[in-house]
C-alpha atoms as a PDB file:
ATOM      1  CA  MET A   1     -29.888  12.405 -37.860  1.00  0.00           C
ATOM      2  CA  LYS A   2     -30.736  14.480 -41.180  1.00  0.00           C
ATOM      3  CA  GLU A   3     -33.230  12.120 -41.366  1.00  0.00           C
ATOM      4  CA  LYS A   4     -35.020  13.265 -38.054  1.00  0.00           C
ATOM      5  CA  HIS A   5     -33.982  16.629 -38.408  1.00  0.00           C
ATOM      6  CA  ALA A   6     -31.980  16.519 -35.471  1.00  0.00           C
ATOM      7  CA  LYS A   7     -29.201  19.418 -35.268  1.00  0.00           C
ATOM      8  CA  VAL A   8     -25.922  18.933 -33.075  1.00  0.00           C
ATOM      9  CA  ILE A   9     -25.505  21.251 -30.405  1.00  0.00           C
ATOM     10  CA  GLY A  10     -22.447  19.865 -28.707  1.00  0.00           C
ATOM     11  CA  LYS A  11     -19.979  17.167 -28.784  1.00  0.00           C
ATOM     12  CA  PHE A  12     -18.353  14.954 -25.600  1.00  0.00           C
ATOM     13  CA  GLY A  13     -15.838  12.657 -25.417  1.00  0.00           C
ATOM     14  CA  CYS A  14     -13.519  10.674 -22.843  1.00  0.00           C
ATOM     15  CA  LYS A  15     -11.417   7.833 -22.738  1.00  0.00           C
ATOM     16  CA  GLY A  16     -12.494   4.245 -23.175  1.00  0.00           C
ATOM     17  CA  TYR A  17     -10.950   0.772 -21.863  1.00  0.00           C
ATOM     18  CA  ASP A  18     -10.028  -0.902 -25.482  1.00  0.00           C
ATOM     19  CA  THR A  19      -8.602  -4.150 -25.967  1.00  0.00           C
ATOM     20  CA  PHE A  20      -9.519  -4.356 -30.181  1.00  0.00           C
ATOM     21  CA  GLY A  21      -7.152  -5.579 -32.698  1.00  0.00           C
ATOM     22  CA  PRO A  22      -2.981  -5.119 -31.717  1.00  0.00           C
ATOM     23  CA  PHE A  23      -4.570  -3.023 -27.832  1.00  0.00           C
ATOM     24  CA  LYS A  24      -5.628  -6.657 -26.907  1.00  0.00           C
ATOM     25  CA  LEU A  25      -1.375  -7.531 -26.941  1.00  0.00           C
ATOM     26  CA  VAL A  26      -1.231  -5.009 -24.780  1.00  0.00           C
ATOM     27  CA  GLY A  27      -3.375  -5.815 -22.516  1.00  0.00           C
ATOM     28  CA  GLY A  28      -5.486  -2.856 -24.145  1.00  0.00           C
ATOM     29  CA  ILE A  29      -5.406   0.808 -23.440  1.00  0.00           C
ATOM     30  CA  ALA A  30      -6.612   3.273 -21.482  1.00  0.00           C
ATOM     31  CA  LYS A  31      -7.179   0.950 -18.737  1.00  0.00           C
ATOM     32  CA  GLY A  32      -9.301   2.804 -15.871  1.00  0.00           C
ATOM     33  CA  HIS A  33     -11.242   4.683 -18.178  1.00  0.00           C
ATOM     34  CA  PRO A  34     -13.651   6.245 -18.033  1.00  0.00           C
ATOM     35  CA  ASN A  35     -12.730   7.232 -14.352  1.00  0.00           C
ATOM     36  CA  GLU A  36     -14.735   9.147 -12.073  1.00  0.00           C
ATOM     37  CA  LYS A  37     -13.256  12.784 -13.407  1.00  0.00           C
ATOM     38  CA  ASP A  38     -14.444  11.258 -17.144  1.00  0.00           C
ATOM     39  CA  LEU A  39     -18.240  11.121 -15.514  1.00  0.00           C
ATOM     40  CA  GLU A  40     -18.010  14.244 -14.002  1.00  0.00           C
ATOM     41  CA  ALA A  41     -16.844  15.786 -16.843  1.00  0.00           C
ATOM     42  CA  ALA A  42     -20.352  13.897 -18.658  1.00  0.00           C
ATOM     43  CA  VAL A  43     -22.484  15.175 -16.044  1.00  0.00           C
ATOM     44  CA  ASN A  44     -20.810  19.253 -16.753  1.00  0.00           C
ATOM     45  CA  PHE A  45     -21.603  18.358 -20.147  1.00  0.00           C
ATOM     46  CA  MET A  46     -24.622  17.595 -19.903  1.00  0.00           C
ATOM     47  CA  THR A  47     -25.823  20.212 -17.313  1.00  0.00           C
ATOM     48  CA  GLU A  48     -24.037  23.137 -19.560  1.00  0.00           C
ATOM     49  CA  LEU A  49     -26.292  21.915 -22.436  1.00  0.00           C
ATOM     50  CA  GLN A  50     -30.104  22.261 -20.335  1.00  0.00           C
ATOM     51  CA  SER A  51     -29.410  25.753 -19.428  1.00  0.00           C
END
């Protein structure tokens, strides 16, 4: 980002289904994510950035 002279104006994160490493042994974590609520939060985040 520094090379492109970009500026961070916000951050967004949500759970995601993960089967990496030891999580695979237990069938993964955060099953069902991202879900509708997560996607709605992402849309709201982007909308707020545009205003």
